Amino acid sequence: MPMANLCVCAIVFISESMPTLMNDRLSYEEKKDLPDSMFGLPERREYPMPDAAHVRAAEAYFRYCPDHLKPRLARAILAKAKEYGVDVRSHVVLAAAGEV
């Protein structure tokens, strides 16, 4: 009987943590309300980086950025990473920013 209670608790814990993971995604309204300074490419309002999780996402999606914009985006990622205490490990991002 105690084992059954343990399993139920684990399921509840996992299901309660799921909304936290899903809320890392910005809604259209949240993105619309962000100032241009929160974007890696403000003129296009792409690569929002209002927090550390989004800096990591911008690093992960860097490869999809047009080549001619990569240096600007890389510098923005590094600036926001420094602000939020994120360690950027992508050699591609570091190279594009002229850090390697």
C-alpha atoms as a PDB file:
ATOM      1  CA  MET A   1       0.000   0.000   0.000  1.00  0.00           C
ATOM      2  CA  PRO A   2       2.717   2.599   0.769  1.00  0.00           C
ATOM      3  CA  MET A   3       4.273   1.944  -2.634  1.00  0.00           C
ATOM      4  CA  ALA A   4       1.027   2.893  -4.387  1.00  0.00           C
ATOM      5  CA  ASN A   5       0.974   6.213  -2.538  1.00  0.00           C
ATOM      6  CA  LEU A   6       4.563   6.872  -3.579  1.00  0.00           C
ATOM      7  CA  CYS A   7       3.720   6.359  -7.249  1.00  0.00           C
ATOM      8  CA  VAL A   8       0.707   8.673  -7.044  1.00  0.00           C
ATOM      9  CA  CYS A   9       2.861  11.389  -5.478  1.00  0.00           C
ATOM     10  CA  ALA A  10       5.423  11.041  -8.244  1.00  0.00           C
ATOM     11  CA  ILE A  11       2.760  11.410 -10.912  1.00  0.00           C
ATOM     12  CA  VAL A  12       1.342  14.508  -9.217  1.00  0.00           C
ATOM     13  CA  PHE A  13       4.818  16.007  -8.889  1.00  0.00           C
ATOM     14  CA  ILE A  14       5.564  15.440 -12.576  1.00  0.00           C
ATOM     15  CA  SER A  15       2.220  16.813 -13.719  1.00  0.00           C
ATOM     16  CA  GLU A  16       2.598  19.905 -11.529  1.00  0.00           C
ATOM     17  CA  SER A  17       6.060  20.608 -12.965  1.00  0.00           C
ATOM     18  CA  MET A  18       4.929  20.375 -16.584  1.00  0.00           C
ATOM     19  CA  PRO A  19       3.221  23.797 -16.709  1.00  0.00           C
ATOM     20  CA  THR A  20       6.449  25.347 -15.427  1.00  0.00           C
ATOM     21  CA  LEU A  21       8.323  23.872 -18.362  1.00  0.00           C
ATOM     22  CA  MET A  22       5.662  24.893 -20.851  1.00  0.00           C
ATOM     23  CA  ASN A  23       5.497  28.482 -19.540  1.00  0.00           C
ATOM     24  CA  ASP A  24       9.032  29.162 -20.779  1.00  0.00           C
ATOM     25  CA  ARG A  25       7.480  29.865 -24.167  1.00  0.00           C
ATOM     26  CA  LEU A  26       6.360  33.455 -24.715  1.00  0.00           C
ATOM     27  CA  SER A  27       2.829  34.054 -25.885  1.00  0.00           C
ATOM     28  CA  TYR A  28       2.152  36.451 -28.746  1.00  0.00           C
ATOM     29  CA  GLU A  29       0.967  39.074 -26.248  1.00  0.00           C
ATOM     30  CA  GLU A  30       4.071  38.671 -24.038  1.00  0.00           C
ATOM     31  CA  LYS A  31       6.358  38.954 -27.057  1.00  0.00           C
ATOM     32  CA  LYS A  32       4.448  41.980 -28.349  1.00  0.00           C
ATOM     33  CA  ASP A  33       4.876  43.734 -24.990  1.00  0.00           C
ATOM     34  CA  LEU A  34       8.659  43.275 -24.862  1.00  0.00           C
ATOM     35  CA  PRO A  35      10.792  46.326 -25.639  1.00  0.00           C
ATOM     36  CA  ASP A  36      13.029  46.119 -28.714  1.00  0.00           C
ATOM     37  CA  SER A  37      16.072  45.910 -26.429  1.00  0.00           C
ATOM     38  CA  MET A  38      15.010  42.397 -25.374  1.00  0.00           C
ATOM     39  CA  PHE A  39      15.475  40.997 -28.879  1.00  0.00           C
ATOM     40  CA  GLY A  40      18.648  39.671 -30.435  1.00  0.00           C
ATOM     41  CA  LEU A  41      17.555  41.210 -33.732  1.00  0.00           C
ATOM     42  CA  PRO A  42      15.420  44.162 -32.621  1.00  0.00           C
ATOM     43  CA  GLU A  43      14.705  45.478 -36.121  1.00  0.00           C
ATOM     44  CA  ARG A  44      13.053  42.136 -36.922  1.00  0.00           C
ATOM     45  CA  ARG A  45      11.818  41.482 -33.343  1.00  0.00           C
ATOM     46  CA  GLU A  46      13.355  38.007 -33.494  1.00  0.00           C
ATOM     47  CA  TYR A  47      15.234  36.001 -30.856  1.00  0.00           C
ATOM     48  CA  PRO A  48      13.584  37.390 -27.708  1.00  0.00           C
ATOM     49  CA  MET A  49      15.858  37.153 -24.656  1.00  0.00           C
ATOM     50  CA  PRO A  50      13.965  38.408 -21.574  1.00  0.00           C
ATOM     51  CA  ASP A  51      15.622  35.796 -19.323  1.00  0.00           C
ATOM     52  CA  ALA A  52      18.366  33.155 -19.132  1.00  0.00           C
ATOM     53  CA  ALA A  53      16.199  30.409 -20.635  1.00  0.00           C
ATOM     54  CA  HIS A  54      15.580  32.494 -23.740  1.00  0.00           C
ATOM     55  CA  VAL A  55      19.281  33.336 -24.074  1.00  0.00           C
ATOM     56  CA  ARG A  56      19.959  29.598 -24.171  1.00  0.00           C
ATOM     57  CA  ALA A  57      17.183  29.190 -26.752  1.00  0.00           C
ATOM     58  CA  ALA A  58      18.680  31.960 -28.913  1.00  0.00           C
ATOM     59  CA  GLU A  59      22.030  30.163 -28.735  1.00  0.00           C
ATOM     60  CA  ALA A  60      20.358  26.889 -29.753  1.00  0.00           C
ATOM     61  CA  TYR A  61      18.480  28.488 -32.693  1.00  0.00           C
ATOM     62  CA  PHE A  62      21.446  30.589 -33.835  1.00  0.00           C
ATOM     63  CA  ARG A  63      22.035  28.337 -36.851  1.00  0.00           C
ATOM     64  CA  TYR A  64      18.701  29.435 -38.351  1.00  0.00           C
ATOM     65  CA  CYS A  65      19.714  33.093 -38.419  1.00  0.00           C
ATOM     66  CA  PRO A  66      20.572  34.509 -41.867  1.00  0.00           C
ATOM     67  CA  ASP A  67      24.353  34.569 -42.342  1.00  0.00           C
ATOM     68  CA  HIS A  68      24.605  38.333 -42.763  1.00  0.00           C
ATOM     69  CA  LEU A  69      22.880  38.875 -39.369  1.00  0.00           C
ATOM     70  CA  LYS A  70      24.822  36.259 -37.393  1.00  0.00           C
ATOM     71  CA  PRO A  71      27.571  38.598 -36.103  1.00  0.00           C
ATOM     72  CA  ARG A  72      24.992  41.040 -34.709  1.00  0.00           C
ATOM     73  CA  LEU A  73      22.915  38.261 -33.144  1.00  0.00           C
ATOM     74  CA  ALA A  74      26.015  36.603 -31.682  1.00  0.00           C
ATOM     75  CA  ARG A  75      27.065  39.854 -29.980  1.00  0.00           C
ATOM     76  CA  ALA A  76      23.525  40.307 -28.622  1.00  0.00           C
ATOM     77  CA  ILE A  77      23.489  36.743 -27.269  1.00  0.00           C
ATOM     78  CA  LEU A  78      26.824  37.298 -25.516  1.00  0.00           C
ATOM     79  CA  ALA A  79      25.660  40.602 -24.020  1.00  0.00           C
ATOM     80  CA  LYS A  80      22.445  39.094 -22.670  1.00  0.00           C
ATOM     81  CA  ALA A  81      24.317  35.990 -21.499  1.00  0.00           C
ATOM     82  CA  LYS A  82      26.629  38.189 -19.451  1.00  0.00           C
ATOM     83  CA  GLU A  83      23.638  40.070 -18.016  1.00  0.00           C
ATOM     84  CA  TYR A  84      21.881  36.848 -16.946  1.00  0.00           C
ATOM     85  CA  GLY A  85      24.958  34.815 -15.998  1.00  0.00           C
ATOM     86  CA  VAL A  86      24.664  32.306 -18.845  1.00  0.00           C
ATOM     87  CA  ASP A  87      27.773  30.481 -20.069  1.00  0.00           C
ATOM     88  CA  VAL A  88      27.714  30.484 -23.884  1.00  0.00           C
ATOM     89  CA  ARG A  89      29.482  27.346 -25.113  1.00  0.00           C
ATOM     90  CA  SER A  90      28.699  27.376 -28.815  1.00  0.00           C
ATOM     91  CA  HIS A  91      31.926  27.854 -30.740  1.00  0.00           C
ATOM     92  CA  VAL A  92      29.847  29.015 -33.704  1.00  0.00           C
ATOM     93  CA  VAL A  93      28.265  31.840 -31.679  1.00  0.00           C
ATOM     94  CA  LEU A  94      31.596  32.798 -30.115  1.00  0.00           C
ATOM     95  CA  ALA A  95      33.311  32.824 -33.520  1.00  0.00           C
ATOM     96  CA  ALA A  96      30.573  34.908 -35.117  1.00  0.00           C
ATOM     97  CA  ALA A  97      30.934  37.455 -32.319  1.00  0.00           C
ATOM     98  CA  GLY A  98      34.705  37.539 -32.846  1.00  0.00           C
ATOM     99  CA  GLU A  99      35.408  35.997 -29.428  1.00  0.00           C
ATOM    100  CA  VAL A 100      37.437  33.020 -30.677  1.00  0.00           C
END
